[in-house]
Amino acid sequence: MIYKVLYQPSKTQAPRRETTQALFMEAESIKEVRKLLDANTPYNVEFIQALEGEFLDYERENNPDFEVVTF
């Protein structure tokens, strides 16, 4: 399944909406996504959303930065 992760680039700075970024990951579960991000990035994860069907199609078609990240 593909997951959309909204995150802040740093855990040490206060979160601001203007600095929220997104990435897309393929994983079996939200737990696996969190585990991979904790082990491989300094990100402050705000929200993880499962994408499937029309939601996934929308992101692929309308997001120029759509790329599935692997660790």
Protein backbone atom coordinates (compact mmCIF):
# COMPACT_ATOMS: atom_id res chain seq x y z
CA MET A 1 0.00 0.00 0.00
CA ILE A 2 1.14 3.57 -0.65
CA TYR A 3 1.14 6.03 2.24
CA LYS A 4 1.34 9.82 2.17
CA VAL A 5 3.42 11.19 5.03
CA LEU A 6 3.15 14.81 6.13
CA TYR A 7 6.20 15.86 8.13
CA GLN A 8 8.39 18.66 9.39
CA PRO A 9 12.05 18.42 8.33
CA SER A 10 13.36 18.82 11.88
CA LYS A 11 12.30 17.46 15.26
CA THR A 12 14.04 20.31 17.09
CA GLN A 13 12.13 23.23 15.56
CA ALA A 14 8.54 24.12 16.37
CA PRO A 15 6.17 22.83 13.66
CA ARG A 16 4.74 25.41 11.26
CA ARG A 17 2.17 24.79 8.56
CA GLU A 18 4.34 26.65 6.04
CA THR A 19 7.19 24.15 6.42
CA THR A 20 5.10 20.97 6.23
CA GLN A 21 6.34 18.67 3.49
CA ALA A 22 5.03 15.42 2.03
CA LEU A 23 6.53 12.17 0.85
CA PHE A 24 5.07 8.92 -0.39
CA MET A 25 6.12 5.47 0.82
CA GLU A 26 5.18 1.90 0.07
CA ALA A 27 4.80 -0.31 3.12
CA GLU A 28 2.63 -2.99 4.68
CA SER A 29 1.29 -0.83 7.52
CA ILE A 30 1.45 2.56 9.20
CA LYS A 31 3.61 1.00 11.92
CA GLU A 32 6.17 -0.02 9.31
CA VAL A 33 6.17 3.50 7.82
CA ARG A 34 6.81 5.04 11.25
CA LYS A 35 9.56 2.53 11.99
CA LEU A 36 11.34 3.21 8.69
CA LEU A 37 11.09 6.98 9.11
CA ASP A 38 12.37 6.88 12.69
CA ALA A 39 15.35 4.75 11.69
CA ASN A 40 16.30 6.67 8.53
CA THR A 41 15.28 10.32 8.87
CA PRO A 42 15.31 13.22 11.35
CA TYR A 43 11.69 14.08 10.42
CA ASN A 44 8.91 15.05 12.79
CA VAL A 45 5.97 13.07 11.38
CA GLU A 46 2.65 14.88 11.62
CA PHE A 47 0.24 12.58 9.79
CA ILE A 48 0.25 9.35 7.76
CA GLN A 49 -2.56 8.66 5.31
CA ALA A 50 -3.15 5.47 3.34
CA LEU A 51 -3.74 6.17 -0.35
CA GLU A 52 -5.70 3.86 -2.61
CA GLY A 53 -8.13 4.04 -5.51
CA GLU A 54 -9.14 7.53 -6.59
CA PHE A 55 -7.07 9.19 -3.86
CA LEU A 56 -3.88 7.57 -5.14
CA ASP A 57 -4.79 8.39 -8.75
CA TYR A 58 -5.37 12.02 -7.80
CA GLU A 59 -1.95 12.33 -6.12
CA ARG A 60 -0.21 10.71 -9.10
CA GLU A 61 -1.90 13.02 -11.60
CA ASN A 62 -1.88 16.32 -9.69
CA ASN A 63 1.27 16.25 -7.58
CA PRO A 64 4.39 17.07 -9.61
CA ASP A 65 6.59 15.79 -6.75
CA PHE A 66 4.92 12.37 -6.59
CA GLU A 67 7.67 9.80 -6.11
CA VAL A 68 7.59 6.72 -3.92
CA VAL A 69 10.51 6.84 -1.46
CA THR A 70 12.30 3.65 -0.42
CA PHE A 71 14.71 3.11 2.48
